């Protein structure tokens, strides 16, 4: 927000911010009894998708930076799996999450490209 570092200009930065917003909107529709379970897990994982690449971009080592990107990509998979469970429980449907799904796929692709761009000997 204040630093305006290079990573904030990446498409991945913009799309992961949208991803968090869509996740938070989706879980706001979950039953209240899920407030401290599935809802919080999805929120934490969604934040990880955005925050890990931001932190990783400050690392000098390619190995470290790549690891942060890999953690973020793993969190995308975690969110996807959590929404499978939420759908099974009747909290949401694929149709109601279509925008989130499109953004999730974009995040996965952008992070995969960042990971692939780092060549480690």
PDB file of N, CA and C in Angstrom:
ATOM      1  N   UNK A   1       0.818  -1.193   0.000  1.00  0.00           N
ATOM      2  CA  UNK A   1       0.000   0.000   0.000  1.00  0.00           C
ATOM      3  C   UNK A   1       0.863   1.258   0.000  1.00  0.00           C
ATOM      4  N   UNK A   2       1.876   1.281   0.832  1.00  0.00           N
ATOM      5  CA  UNK A   2       2.677   2.482   0.956  1.00  0.00           C
ATOM      6  C   UNK A   2       4.034   2.379   0.260  1.00  0.00           C
ATOM      7  N   UNK A   3       4.593   1.188   0.170  1.00  0.00           N
ATOM      8  CA  UNK A   3       5.953   1.037  -0.333  1.00  0.00           C
ATOM      9  C   UNK A   3       6.055   1.123  -1.853  1.00  0.00           C
ATOM     10  N   UNK A   4       5.044   0.714  -2.577  1.00  0.00           N
ATOM     11  CA  UNK A   4       5.054   0.752  -4.045  1.00  0.00           C
ATOM     12  C   UNK A   4       6.289   0.070  -4.640  1.00  0.00           C
ATOM     13  N   UNK A   5       6.562  -1.124  -4.154  1.00  0.00           N
ATOM     14  CA  UNK A   5       7.697  -1.902  -4.645  1.00  0.00           C
ATOM     15  C   UNK A   5       7.330  -2.606  -5.952  1.00  0.00           C
ATOM     16  N   UNK A   6       8.317  -3.183  -6.587  1.00  0.00           N
ATOM     17  CA  UNK A   6       8.144  -3.788  -7.904  1.00  0.00           C
ATOM     18  C   UNK A   6       7.068  -4.854  -7.979  1.00  0.00           C
ATOM     19  N   UNK A   7       6.928  -5.654  -6.928  1.00  0.00           N
ATOM     20  CA  UNK A   7       5.948  -6.749  -6.985  1.00  0.00           C
ATOM     21  C   UNK A   7       4.513  -6.237  -7.076  1.00  0.00           C
ATOM     22  N   UNK A   8       4.267  -5.002  -6.634  1.00  0.00           N
ATOM     23  CA  UNK A   8       2.900  -4.461  -6.677  1.00  0.00           C
ATOM     24  C   UNK A   8       2.457  -4.148  -8.097  1.00  0.00           C
ATOM     25  N   UNK A   9       3.409  -4.136  -9.022  1.00  0.00           N
ATOM     26  CA  UNK A   9       3.078  -3.856 -10.420  1.00  0.00           C
ATOM     27  C   UNK A   9       2.832  -5.129 -11.239  1.00  0.00           C
ATOM     28  N   UNK A  10       3.044  -6.279 -10.611  1.00  0.00           N
ATOM     29  CA  UNK A  10       2.827  -7.554 -11.296  1.00  0.00           C
ATOM     30  C   UNK A  10       1.334  -7.855 -11.426  1.00  0.00           C
ATOM     31  N   UNK A  11       0.966  -8.481 -12.533  1.00  0.00           N
ATOM     32  CA  UNK A  11      -0.421  -8.923 -12.705  1.00  0.00           C
ATOM     33  C   UNK A  11      -0.824  -9.891 -11.597  1.00  0.00           C
ATOM     34  N   UNK A  12       0.128 -10.708 -11.161  1.00  0.00           N
ATOM     35  CA  UNK A  12      -0.159 -11.678 -10.092  1.00  0.00           C
ATOM     36  C   UNK A  12      -0.579 -10.961  -8.811  1.00  0.00           C
ATOM     37  N   UNK A  13       0.010  -9.824  -8.527  1.00  0.00           N
ATOM     38  CA  UNK A  13      -0.333  -9.066  -7.317  1.00  0.00           C
ATOM     39  C   UNK A  13      -1.789  -8.592  -7.384  1.00  0.00           C
ATOM     40  N   UNK A  14      -2.165  -8.065  -8.526  1.00  0.00           N
ATOM     41  CA  UNK A  14      -3.531  -7.559  -8.711  1.00  0.00           C
ATOM     42  C   UNK A  14      -4.553  -8.681  -8.622  1.00  0.00           C
ATOM     43  N   UNK A  15      -4.285  -9.782  -9.294  1.00  0.00           N
ATOM     44  CA  UNK A  15      -5.268 -10.876  -9.334  1.00  0.00           C
ATOM     45  C   UNK A  15      -5.390 -11.563  -7.973  1.00  0.00           C
ATOM     46  N   UNK A  16      -4.299 -11.659  -7.215  1.00  0.00           N
ATOM     47  CA  UNK A  16      -4.405 -12.292  -5.900  1.00  0.00           C
ATOM     48  C   UNK A  16      -5.164 -11.404  -4.919  1.00  0.00           C
ATOM     49  N   UNK A  17      -5.108 -10.099  -5.106  1.00  0.00           N
ATOM     50  CA  UNK A  17      -5.934  -9.195  -4.276  1.00  0.00           C
ATOM     51  C   UNK A  17      -7.416  -9.426  -4.578  1.00  0.00           C
ATOM     52  N   UNK A  18      -7.745  -9.584  -5.845  1.00  0.00           N
ATOM     53  CA  UNK A  18      -9.129  -9.872  -6.226  1.00  0.00           C
ATOM     54  C   UNK A  18      -9.564 -11.226  -5.659  1.00  0.00           C
ATOM     55  N   UNK A  19      -8.643 -12.167  -5.660  1.00  0.00           N
ATOM     56  CA  UNK A  19      -8.922 -13.502  -5.138  1.00  0.00           C
ATOM     57  C   UNK A  19      -9.342 -13.436  -3.667  1.00  0.00           C
ATOM     58  N   UNK A  20      -8.607 -12.690  -2.869  1.00  0.00           N
ATOM     59  CA  UNK A  20      -8.960 -12.548  -1.453  1.00  0.00           C
ATOM     60  C   UNK A  20     -10.366 -11.987  -1.314  1.00  0.00           C
ATOM     61  N   UNK A  21     -10.637 -10.942  -2.055  1.00  0.00           N
ATOM     62  CA  UNK A  21     -11.957 -10.310  -1.976  1.00  0.00           C
ATOM     63  C   UNK A  21     -13.070 -11.300  -2.311  1.00  0.00           C
ATOM     64  N   UNK A  22     -12.899 -12.051  -3.382  1.00  0.00           N
ATOM     65  CA  UNK A  22     -13.922 -13.029  -3.778  1.00  0.00           C
ATOM     66  C   UNK A  22     -14.083 -14.133  -2.724  1.00  0.00           C
ATOM     67  N   UNK A  23     -12.973 -14.570  -2.145  1.00  0.00           N
ATOM     68  CA  UNK A  23     -13.058 -15.593  -1.089  1.00  0.00           C
ATOM     69  C   UNK A  23     -13.818 -15.066   0.118  1.00  0.00           C
ATOM     70  N   UNK A  24     -13.506 -13.856   0.533  1.00  0.00           N
ATOM     71  CA  UNK A  24     -14.176 -13.274   1.689  1.00  0.00           C
ATOM     72  C   UNK A  24     -15.673 -13.087   1.420  1.00  0.00           C
ATOM     73  N   UNK A  25     -16.004 -12.671   0.207  1.00  0.00           N
ATOM     74  CA  UNK A  25     -17.424 -12.524  -0.146  1.00  0.00           C
ATOM     75  C   UNK A  25     -18.132 -13.878  -0.127  1.00  0.00           C
ATOM     76  N   UNK A  26     -17.480 -14.896  -0.656  1.00  0.00           N
ATOM     77  CA  UNK A  26     -18.094 -16.229  -0.715  1.00  0.00           C
ATOM     78  C   UNK A  26     -18.340 -16.794   0.677  1.00  0.00           C
ATOM     79  N   UNK A  27     -17.350 -16.696   1.562  1.00  0.00           N
ATOM     80  CA  UNK A  27     -17.523 -17.293   2.894  1.00  0.00           C
ATOM     81  C   UNK A  27     -18.471 -16.487   3.773  1.00  0.00           C
ATOM     82  N   UNK A  28     -18.741 -15.257   3.402  1.00  0.00           N
ATOM     83  CA  UNK A  28     -19.701 -14.461   4.181  1.00  0.00           C
ATOM     84  C   UNK A  28     -21.108 -15.057   4.087  1.00  0.00           C
ATOM     85  N   UNK A  29     -21.319 -15.931   3.092  1.00  0.00           N
ATOM     86  CA  UNK A  29     -22.613 -16.581   2.911  1.00  0.00           C
ATOM     87  C   UNK A  29     -22.710 -17.917   3.650  1.00  0.00           C
ATOM     88  N   UNK A  30     -21.608 -18.362   4.235  1.00  0.00           N
ATOM     89  CA  UNK A  30     -21.605 -19.633   4.962  1.00  0.00           C
ATOM     90  C   UNK A  30     -22.392 -19.492   6.263  1.00  0.00           C
ATOM     91  N   UNK A  31     -22.880 -20.603   6.798  1.00  0.00           N
ATOM     92  CA  UNK A  31     -23.595 -20.556   8.079  1.00  0.00           C
ATOM     93  C   UNK A  31     -22.705 -20.024   9.198  1.00  0.00           C
ATOM     94  N   UNK A  32     -23.314 -19.392  10.162  1.00  0.00           N
ATOM     95  CA  UNK A  32     -22.577 -18.794  11.284  1.00  0.00           C
ATOM     96  C   UNK A  32     -21.744 -19.821  12.041  1.00  0.00           C
ATOM     97  N   UNK A  33     -22.235 -21.058  12.134  1.00  0.00           N
ATOM     98  CA  UNK A  33     -21.488 -22.070  12.889  1.00  0.00           C
ATOM     99  C   UNK A  33     -20.142 -22.424  12.227  1.00  0.00           C
ATOM    100  N   UNK A  34     -19.936 -22.020  10.988  1.00  0.00           N
ATOM    101  CA  UNK A  34     -18.669 -22.259  10.307  1.00  0.00           C
ATOM    102  C   UNK A  34     -17.688 -21.107  10.489  1.00  0.00           C
ATOM    103  N   UNK A  35     -18.085 -20.104  11.245  1.00  0.00           N
ATOM    104  CA  UNK A  35     -17.270 -18.900  11.399  1.00  0.00           C
ATOM    105  C   UNK A  35     -15.834 -19.207  11.833  1.00  0.00           C
ATOM    106  N   UNK A  36     -15.659 -20.161  12.716  1.00  0.00           N
ATOM    107  CA  UNK A  36     -14.325 -20.449  13.240  1.00  0.00           C
ATOM    108  C   UNK A  36     -13.712 -21.717  12.661  1.00  0.00           C
ATOM    109  N   UNK A  37     -14.328 -22.277  11.663  1.00  0.00           N
ATOM    110  CA  UNK A  37     -13.815 -23.503  11.059  1.00  0.00           C
ATOM    111  C   UNK A  37     -13.458 -23.267   9.591  1.00  0.00           C
ATOM    112  N   UNK A  38     -14.311 -23.709   8.722  1.00  0.00           N
ATOM    113  CA  UNK A  38     -14.047 -23.633   7.290  1.00  0.00           C
ATOM    114  C   UNK A  38     -13.861 -22.189   6.820  1.00  0.00           C
ATOM    115  N   UNK A  39     -14.654 -21.286   7.331  1.00  0.00           N
ATOM    116  CA  UNK A  39     -14.552 -19.875   6.940  1.00  0.00           C
ATOM    117  C   UNK A  39     -13.165 -19.323   7.230  1.00  0.00           C
ATOM    118  N   UNK A  40     -12.692 -19.540   8.439  1.00  0.00           N
ATOM    119  CA  UNK A  40     -11.370 -19.024   8.814  1.00  0.00           C
ATOM    120  C   UNK A  40     -10.247 -19.708   8.033  1.00  0.00           C
ATOM    121  N   UNK A  41     -10.404 -20.983   7.780  1.00  0.00           N
ATOM    122  CA  UNK A  41      -9.378 -21.704   7.012  1.00  0.00           C
ATOM    123  C   UNK A  41      -9.268 -21.137   5.604  1.00  0.00           C
ATOM    124  N   UNK A  42     -10.387 -20.880   4.977  1.00  0.00           N
ATOM    125  CA  UNK A  42     -10.380 -20.317   3.621  1.00  0.00           C
ATOM    126  C   UNK A  42      -9.784 -18.913   3.637  1.00  0.00           C
ATOM    127  N   UNK A  43     -10.156 -18.109   4.614  1.00  0.00           N
ATOM    128  CA  UNK A  43      -9.609 -16.753   4.701  1.00  0.00           C
ATOM    129  C   UNK A  43      -8.094 -16.774   4.881  1.00  0.00           C
ATOM    130  N   UNK A  44      -7.607 -17.638   5.757  1.00  0.00           N
ATOM    131  CA  UNK A  44      -6.161 -17.727   5.989  1.00  0.00           C
ATOM    132  C   UNK A  44      -5.426 -18.173   4.717  1.00  0.00           C
ATOM    133  N   UNK A  45      -5.972 -19.172   4.055  1.00  0.00           N
ATOM    134  CA  UNK A  45      -5.329 -19.662   2.834  1.00  0.00           C
ATOM    135  C   UNK A  45      -5.367 -18.601   1.730  1.00  0.00           C
ATOM    136  N   UNK A  46      -6.478 -17.892   1.608  1.00  0.00           N
ATOM    137  CA  UNK A  46      -6.580 -16.835   0.594  1.00  0.00           C
ATOM    138  C   UNK A  46      -5.559 -15.735   0.863  1.00  0.00           C
ATOM    139  N   UNK A  47      -5.397 -15.365   2.117  1.00  0.00           N
ATOM    140  CA  UNK A  47      -4.387 -14.369   2.459  1.00  0.00           C
ATOM    141  C   UNK A  47      -2.993 -14.867   2.106  1.00  0.00           C
ATOM    142  N   UNK A  48      -2.748 -16.144   2.322  1.00  0.00           N
ATOM    143  CA  UNK A  48      -1.458 -16.734   2.003  1.00  0.00           C
ATOM    144  C   UNK A  48      -1.150 -16.626   0.508  1.00  0.00           C
ATOM    145  N   UNK A  49      -2.174 -16.746  -0.317  1.00  0.00           N
ATOM    146  CA  UNK A  49      -2.005 -16.648  -1.771  1.00  0.00           C
ATOM    147  C   UNK A  49      -1.460 -15.272  -2.149  1.00  0.00           C
ATOM    148  N   UNK A  50      -1.865 -14.261  -1.439  1.00  0.00           N
ATOM    149  CA  UNK A  50      -1.436 -12.891  -1.732  1.00  0.00           C
ATOM    150  C   UNK A  50      -0.168 -12.497  -0.972  1.00  0.00           C
ATOM    151  N   UNK A  51      -0.089 -12.870   0.286  1.00  0.00           N
ATOM    152  CA  UNK A  51       1.003 -12.385   1.125  1.00  0.00           C
ATOM    153  C   UNK A  51       2.328 -13.107   0.883  1.00  0.00           C
ATOM    154  N   UNK A  52       2.289 -14.392   0.582  1.00  0.00           N
ATOM    155  CA  UNK A  52       3.540 -15.111   0.359  1.00  0.00           C
ATOM    156  C   UNK A  52       4.317 -14.604  -0.865  1.00  0.00           C
ATOM    157  N   UNK A  53       3.683 -14.359  -1.997  1.00  0.00           N
ATOM    158  CA  UNK A  53       4.460 -13.790  -3.106  1.00  0.00           C
ATOM    159  C   UNK A  53       5.001 -12.393  -2.784  1.00  0.00           C
ATOM    160  N   UNK A  54       4.236 -11.620  -2.031  1.00  0.00           N
ATOM    161  CA  UNK A  54       4.718 -10.294  -1.640  1.00  0.00           C
ATOM    162  C   UNK A  54       5.979 -10.424  -0.795  1.00  0.00           C
ATOM    163  N   UNK A  55       5.942 -11.293   0.190  1.00  0.00           N
ATOM    164  CA  UNK A  55       7.112 -11.495   1.029  1.00  0.00           C
ATOM    165  C   UNK A  55       8.261 -12.125   0.240  1.00  0.00           C
ATOM    166  N   UNK A  56       7.933 -13.090  -0.583  1.00  0.00           N
ATOM    167  CA  UNK A  56       8.951 -13.762  -1.377  1.00  0.00           C
ATOM    168  C   UNK A  56       9.678 -12.830  -2.327  1.00  0.00           C
ATOM    169  N   UNK A  57       8.986 -11.830  -2.826  1.00  0.00           N
ATOM    170  CA  UNK A  57       9.619 -10.910  -3.770  1.00  0.00           C
ATOM    171  C   UNK A  57      10.740 -10.106  -3.128  1.00  0.00           C
ATOM    172  N   UNK A  58      10.740 -10.035  -1.808  1.00  0.00           N
ATOM    173  CA  UNK A  58      11.797  -9.285  -1.122  1.00  0.00           C
ATOM    174  C   UNK A  58      13.030 -10.142  -0.856  1.00  0.00           C
ATOM    175  N   UNK A  59      12.964 -11.416  -1.150  1.00  0.00           N
ATOM    176  CA  UNK A  59      14.083 -12.320  -0.879  1.00  0.00           C
ATOM    177  C   UNK A  59      15.141 -12.210  -1.971  1.00  0.00           C
ATOM    178  N   UNK A  60      16.361 -12.223  -1.580  1.00  0.00           N
ATOM    179  CA  UNK A  60      17.477 -12.111  -2.532  1.00  0.00           C
ATOM    180  C   UNK A  60      17.759 -13.435  -3.236  1.00  0.00           C
ATOM    181  N   UNK A  61      17.530 -14.534  -2.543  1.00  0.00           N
ATOM    182  CA  UNK A  61      17.822 -15.861  -3.074  1.00  0.00           C
ATOM    183  C   UNK A  61      16.676 -16.354  -3.962  1.00  0.00           C
ATOM    184  N   UNK A  62      17.031 -16.846  -5.147  1.00  0.00           N
ATOM    185  CA  UNK A  62      16.026 -17.429  -6.041  1.00  0.00           C
ATOM    186  C   UNK A  62      15.330 -18.615  -5.390  1.00  0.00           C
ATOM    187  N   UNK A  63      16.086 -19.415  -4.656  1.00  0.00           N
ATOM    188  CA  UNK A  63      15.511 -20.591  -3.993  1.00  0.00           C
ATOM    189  C   UNK A  63      14.445 -20.168  -2.986  1.00  0.00           C
ATOM    190  N   UNK A  64      14.756 -19.154  -2.191  1.00  0.00           N
ATOM    191  CA  UNK A  64      13.779 -18.671  -1.205  1.00  0.00           C
ATOM    192  C   UNK A  64      12.544 -18.082  -1.887  1.00  0.00           C
ATOM    193  N   UNK A  65      12.771 -17.241  -2.897  1.00  0.00           N
ATOM    194  CA  UNK A  65      11.657 -16.590  -3.587  1.00  0.00           C
ATOM    195  C   UNK A  65      10.735 -17.632  -4.209  1.00  0.00           C
ATOM    196  N   UNK A  66      11.341 -18.615  -4.840  1.00  0.00           N
ATOM    197  CA  UNK A  66      10.545 -19.678  -5.465  1.00  0.00           C
ATOM    198  C   UNK A  66       9.726 -20.420  -4.421  1.00  0.00           C
ATOM    199  N   UNK A  67      10.313 -20.669  -3.265  1.00  0.00           N
ATOM    200  CA  UNK A  67       9.605 -21.391  -2.198  1.00  0.00           C
ATOM    201  C   UNK A  67       8.366 -20.620  -1.746  1.00  0.00           C
ATOM    202  N   UNK A  68       8.458 -19.309  -1.608  1.00  0.00           N
ATOM    203  CA  UNK A  68       7.295 -18.509  -1.227  1.00  0.00           C
ATOM    204  C   UNK A  68       6.197 -18.588  -2.297  1.00  0.00           C
ATOM    205  N   UNK A  69       6.602 -18.555  -3.564  1.00  0.00           N
ATOM    206  CA  UNK A  69       5.623 -18.691  -4.649  1.00  0.00           C
ATOM    207  C   UNK A  69       4.957 -20.067  -4.619  1.00  0.00           C
ATOM    208  N   UNK A  70       5.745 -21.091  -4.308  1.00  0.00           N
ATOM    209  CA  UNK A  70       5.188 -22.451  -4.217  1.00  0.00           C
ATOM    210  C   UNK A  70       4.206 -22.577  -3.058  1.00  0.00           C
ATOM    211  N   UNK A  71       4.501 -21.943  -1.946  1.00  0.00           N
ATOM    212  CA  UNK A  71       3.578 -21.965  -0.803  1.00  0.00           C
ATOM    213  C   UNK A  71       2.266 -21.296  -1.196  1.00  0.00           C
ATOM    214  N   UNK A  72       2.357 -20.166  -1.893  1.00  0.00           N
ATOM    215  CA  UNK A  72       1.150 -19.462  -2.338  1.00  0.00           C
ATOM    216  C   UNK A  72       0.325 -20.335  -3.275  1.00  0.00           C
ATOM    217  N   UNK A  73       0.999 -21.013  -4.208  1.00  0.00           N
ATOM    218  CA  UNK A  73       0.274 -21.886  -5.137  1.00  0.00           C
ATOM    219  C   UNK A  73      -0.380 -23.046  -4.387  1.00  0.00           C
ATOM    220  N   UNK A  74       0.296 -23.580  -3.376  1.00  0.00           N
ATOM    221  CA  UNK A  74      -0.300 -24.622  -2.547  1.00  0.00           C
ATOM    222  C   UNK A  74      -1.539 -24.127  -1.829  1.00  0.00           C
ATOM    223  N   UNK A  75      -1.524 -22.870  -1.418  1.00  0.00           N
ATOM    224  CA  UNK A  75      -2.690 -22.304  -0.741  1.00  0.00           C
ATOM    225  C   UNK A  75      -3.877 -22.160  -1.681  1.00  0.00           C
ATOM    226  N   UNK A  76      -3.607 -21.921  -2.961  1.00  0.00           N
ATOM    227  CA  UNK A  76      -4.703 -21.881  -3.948  1.00  0.00           C
ATOM    228  C   UNK A  76      -5.372 -23.252  -4.011  1.00  0.00           C
ATOM    229  N   UNK A  77      -4.555 -24.290  -4.042  1.00  0.00           N
ATOM    230  CA  UNK A  77      -5.092 -25.652  -4.079  1.00  0.00           C
ATOM    231  C   UNK A  77      -5.889 -25.939  -2.803  1.00  0.00           C
ATOM    232  N   UNK A  78      -5.398 -25.445  -1.676  1.00  0.00           N
ATOM    233  CA  UNK A  78      -6.114 -25.606  -0.405  1.00  0.00           C
ATOM    234  C   UNK A  78      -7.481 -24.930  -0.452  1.00  0.00           C
ATOM    235  N   UNK A  79      -7.533 -23.718  -0.972  1.00  0.00           N
ATOM    236  CA  UNK A  79      -8.820 -23.006  -1.084  1.00  0.00           C
ATOM    237  C   UNK A  79      -9.762 -23.771  -2.000  1.00  0.00           C
ATOM    238  N   UNK A  80      -9.260 -24.246  -3.112  1.00  0.00           N
ATOM    239  CA  UNK A  80     -10.085 -25.011  -4.051  1.00  0.00           C
ATOM    240  C   UNK A  80     -10.684 -26.236  -3.362  1.00  0.00           C
ATOM    241  N   UNK A  81      -9.859 -26.956  -2.613  1.00  0.00           N
ATOM    242  CA  UNK A  81     -10.338 -28.151  -1.901  1.00  0.00           C
ATOM    243  C   UNK A  81     -11.346 -27.777  -0.817  1.00  0.00           C
ATOM    244  N   UNK A  82     -11.123 -26.668  -0.152  1.00  0.00           N
ATOM    245  CA  UNK A  82     -12.051 -26.223   0.902  1.00  0.00           C
ATOM    246  C   UNK A  82     -13.419 -25.882   0.309  1.00  0.00           C
ATOM    247  N   UNK A  83     -13.420 -25.275  -0.872  1.00  0.00           N
ATOM    248  CA  UNK A  83     -14.704 -24.979  -1.500  1.00  0.00           C
ATOM    249  C   UNK A  83     -15.394 -26.240  -2.009  1.00  0.00           C
ATOM    250  N   UNK A  84     -14.626 -27.290  -2.334  1.00  0.00           N
ATOM    251  CA  UNK A  84     -15.240 -28.591  -2.623  1.00  0.00           C
ATOM    252  C   UNK A  84     -16.031 -29.070  -1.410  1.00  0.00           C
ATOM    253  N   UNK A  85     -15.423 -28.986  -0.243  1.00  0.00           N
ATOM    254  CA  UNK A  85     -16.086 -29.402   1.002  1.00  0.00           C
ATOM    255  C   UNK A  85     -17.314 -28.523   1.259  1.00  0.00           C
ATOM    256  N   UNK A  86     -17.139 -27.214   1.096  1.00  0.00           N
ATOM    257  CA  UNK A  86     -18.260 -26.294   1.318  1.00  0.00           C
ATOM    258  C   UNK A  86     -19.417 -26.605   0.373  1.00  0.00           C
ATOM    259  N   UNK A  87     -19.104 -26.946  -0.856  1.00  0.00           N
ATOM    260  CA  UNK A  87     -20.142 -27.315  -1.815  1.00  0.00           C
ATOM    261  C   UNK A  87     -20.838 -28.606  -1.394  1.00  0.00           C
ATOM    262  N   UNK A  88     -20.049 -29.595  -0.956  1.00  0.00           N
ATOM    263  CA  UNK A  88     -20.621 -30.856  -0.485  1.00  0.00           C
ATOM    264  C   UNK A  88     -21.567 -30.646   0.689  1.00  0.00           C
ATOM    265  N   UNK A  89     -21.257 -29.642   1.516  1.00  0.00           N
ATOM    266  CA  UNK A  89     -22.085 -29.350   2.687  1.00  0.00           C
ATOM    267  C   UNK A  89     -23.273 -28.438   2.360  1.00  0.00           C
ATOM    268  N   UNK A  90     -23.362 -28.010   1.100  1.00  0.00           N
ATOM    269  CA  UNK A  90     -24.484 -27.174   0.673  1.00  0.00           C
ATOM    270  C   UNK A  90     -24.329 -25.697   0.994  1.00  0.00           C
ATOM    271  N   UNK A  91     -23.114 -25.255   1.285  1.00  0.00           N
ATOM    272  CA  UNK A  91     -22.877 -23.851   1.625  1.00  0.00           C
ATOM    273  C   UNK A  91     -22.743 -22.974   0.388  1.00  0.00           C
ATOM    274  N   UNK A  92     -22.432 -23.592  -0.748  1.00  0.00           N
ATOM    275  CA  UNK A  92     -22.241 -22.853  -1.984  1.00  0.00           C
ATOM    276  C   UNK A  92     -22.354 -23.831  -3.150  1.00  0.00           C
ATOM    277  N   UNK A  93     -22.324 -23.276  -4.344  1.00  0.00           N
ATOM    278  CA  UNK A  93     -22.353 -24.119  -5.539  1.00  0.00           C
ATOM    279  C   UNK A  93     -21.325 -23.596  -6.532  1.00  0.00           C
ATOM    280  N   UNK A  94     -20.956 -24.429  -7.475  1.00  0.00           N
ATOM    281  CA  UNK A  94     -20.004 -24.010  -8.508  1.00  0.00           C
ATOM    282  C   UNK A  94     -20.538 -22.794  -9.267  1.00  0.00           C
ATOM    283  N   UNK A  95     -21.842 -22.774  -9.497  1.00  0.00           N
ATOM    284  CA  UNK A  95     -22.451 -21.650 -10.214  1.00  0.00           C
ATOM    285  C   UNK A  95     -22.309 -20.349  -9.428  1.00  0.00           C
ATOM    286  N   UNK A  96     -22.507 -20.414  -8.120  1.00  0.00           N
ATOM    287  CA  UNK A  96     -22.422 -19.201  -7.302  1.00  0.00           C
ATOM    288  C   UNK A  96     -20.979 -18.725  -7.137  1.00  0.00           C
ATOM    289  N   UNK A  97     -20.030 -19.592  -7.446  1.00  0.00           N
ATOM    290  CA  UNK A  97     -18.615 -19.256  -7.297  1.00  0.00           C
ATOM    291  C   UNK A  97     -17.900 -19.115  -8.637  1.00  0.00           C
ATOM    292  N   UNK A  98     -18.655 -18.861  -9.704  1.00  0.00           N
ATOM    293  CA  UNK A  98     -18.039 -18.842 -11.037  1.00  0.00           C
ATOM    294  C   UNK A  98     -16.953 -17.771 -11.154  1.00  0.00           C
ATOM    295  N   UNK A  99     -17.206 -16.576 -10.641  1.00  0.00           N
ATOM    296  CA  UNK A  99     -16.193 -15.515 -10.698  1.00  0.00           C
ATOM    297  C   UNK A  99     -14.973 -15.914  -9.880  1.00  0.00           C
ATOM    298  N   UNK A 100     -15.204 -16.431  -8.682  1.00  0.00           N
ATOM    299  CA  UNK A 100     -14.106 -16.891  -7.841  1.00  0.00           C
ATOM    300  C   UNK A 100     -13.303 -17.978  -8.559  1.00  0.00           C
ATOM    301  N   UNK A 101     -13.993 -18.901  -9.202  1.00  0.00           N
ATOM    302  CA  UNK A 101     -13.316 -19.976  -9.917  1.00  0.00           C
ATOM    303  C   UNK A 101     -12.419 -19.465 -11.034  1.00  0.00           C
ATOM    304  N   UNK A 102     -12.895 -18.490 -11.779  1.00  0.00           N
ATOM    305  CA  UNK A 102     -12.092 -17.904 -12.858  1.00  0.00           C
ATOM    306  C   UNK A 102     -10.844 -17.231 -12.297  1.00  0.00           C
ATOM    307  N   UNK A 103     -11.011 -16.504 -11.208  1.00  0.00           N
ATOM    308  CA  UNK A 103      -9.880 -15.815 -10.591  1.00  0.00           C
ATOM    309  C   UNK A 103      -8.906 -16.823  -9.989  1.00  0.00           C
ATOM    310  N   UNK A 104      -9.425 -17.882  -9.384  1.00  0.00           N
ATOM    311  CA  UNK A 104      -8.582 -18.926  -8.806  1.00  0.00           C
ATOM    312  C   UNK A 104      -7.679 -19.535  -9.879  1.00  0.00           C
ATOM    313  N   UNK A 105      -8.249 -19.839 -11.028  1.00  0.00           N
ATOM    314  CA  UNK A 105      -7.474 -20.428 -12.122  1.00  0.00           C
ATOM    315  C   UNK A 105      -6.403 -19.444 -12.603  1.00  0.00           C
ATOM    316  N   UNK A 106      -6.747 -18.167 -12.711  1.00  0.00           N
ATOM    317  CA  UNK A 106      -5.765 -17.164 -13.120  1.00  0.00           C
ATOM    318  C   UNK A 106      -4.624 -17.077 -12.111  1.00  0.00           C
ATOM    319  N   UNK A 107      -4.961 -17.055 -10.833  1.00  0.00           N
ATOM    320  CA  UNK A 107      -3.931 -17.011  -9.787  1.00  0.00           C
ATOM    321  C   UNK A 107      -2.993 -18.204  -9.918  1.00  0.00           C
ATOM    322  N   UNK A 108      -3.570 -19.371 -10.111  1.00  0.00           N
ATOM    323  CA  UNK A 108      -2.759 -20.586 -10.246  1.00  0.00           C
ATOM    324  C   UNK A 108      -1.804 -20.460 -11.427  1.00  0.00           C
ATOM    325  N   UNK A 109      -2.301 -19.955 -12.551  1.00  0.00           N
ATOM    326  CA  UNK A 109      -1.475 -19.813 -13.746  1.00  0.00           C
ATOM    327  C   UNK A 109      -0.366 -18.779 -13.555  1.00  0.00           C
ATOM    328  N   UNK A 110      -0.719 -17.633 -12.967  1.00  0.00           N
ATOM    329  CA  UNK A 110       0.289 -16.595 -12.737  1.00  0.00           C
ATOM    330  C   UNK A 110       1.380 -17.087 -11.793  1.00  0.00           C
ATOM    331  N   UNK A 111       0.986 -17.737 -10.717  1.00  0.00           N
ATOM    332  CA  UNK A 111       1.983 -18.229  -9.768  1.00  0.00           C
ATOM    333  C   UNK A 111       2.821 -19.357 -10.375  1.00  0.00           C
ATOM    334  N   UNK A 112       2.188 -20.197 -11.164  1.00  0.00           N
ATOM    335  CA  UNK A 112       2.943 -21.254 -11.845  1.00  0.00           C
ATOM    336  C   UNK A 112       3.976 -20.650 -12.789  1.00  0.00           C
ATOM    337  N   UNK A 113       3.609 -19.585 -13.467  1.00  0.00           N
ATOM    338  CA  UNK A 113       4.548 -18.909 -14.370  1.00  0.00           C
ATOM    339  C   UNK A 113       5.694 -18.277 -13.586  1.00  0.00           C
ATOM    340  N   UNK A 114       5.389 -17.668 -12.445  1.00  0.00           N
ATOM    341  CA  UNK A 114       6.452 -17.091 -11.611  1.00  0.00           C
ATOM    342  C   UNK A 114       7.412 -18.191 -11.140  1.00  0.00           C
ATOM    343  N   UNK A 115       6.854 -19.304 -10.724  1.00  0.00           N
ATOM    344  CA  UNK A 115       7.675 -20.426 -10.268  1.00  0.00           C
ATOM    345  C   UNK A 115       8.563 -20.940 -11.407  1.00  0.00           C
ATOM    346  N   UNK A 116       7.981 -21.099 -12.573  1.00  0.00           N
ATOM    347  CA  UNK A 116       8.733 -21.606 -13.730  1.00  0.00           C
ATOM    348  C   UNK A 116       9.810 -20.635 -14.201  1.00  0.00           C
ATOM    349  N   UNK A 117       9.599 -19.357 -13.946  1.00  0.00           N
ATOM    350  CA  UNK A 117      10.562 -18.352 -14.413  1.00  0.00           C
ATOM    351  C   UNK A 117      11.856 -18.374 -13.599  1.00  0.00           C
ATOM    352  N   UNK A 118      11.812 -18.992 -12.439  1.00  0.00           N
ATOM    353  CA  UNK A 118      13.008 -19.040 -11.584  1.00  0.00           C
ATOM    354  C   UNK A 118      13.742 -20.343 -11.862  1.00  0.00           C
ATOM    355  N   UNK A 119      14.876 -20.209 -12.476  1.00  0.00           N
ATOM    356  CA  UNK A 119      15.720 -21.365 -12.806  1.00  0.00           C
ATOM    357  C   UNK A 119      16.787 -21.501 -11.730  1.00  0.00           C
ATOM    358  N   UNK A 120      16.807 -22.645 -11.089  1.00  0.00           N
ATOM    359  CA  UNK A 120      17.789 -22.904 -10.036  1.00  0.00           C
ATOM    360  C   UNK A 120      18.734 -23.981 -10.531  1.00  0.00           C
ATOM    361  N   UNK A 121      19.999 -23.707 -10.447  1.00  0.00           N
ATOM    362  CA  UNK A 121      21.012 -24.660 -10.938  1.00  0.00           C
ATOM    363  C   UNK A 121      21.120 -25.858 -10.050  1.00  0.00           C
TER     364      UNK A 121
END
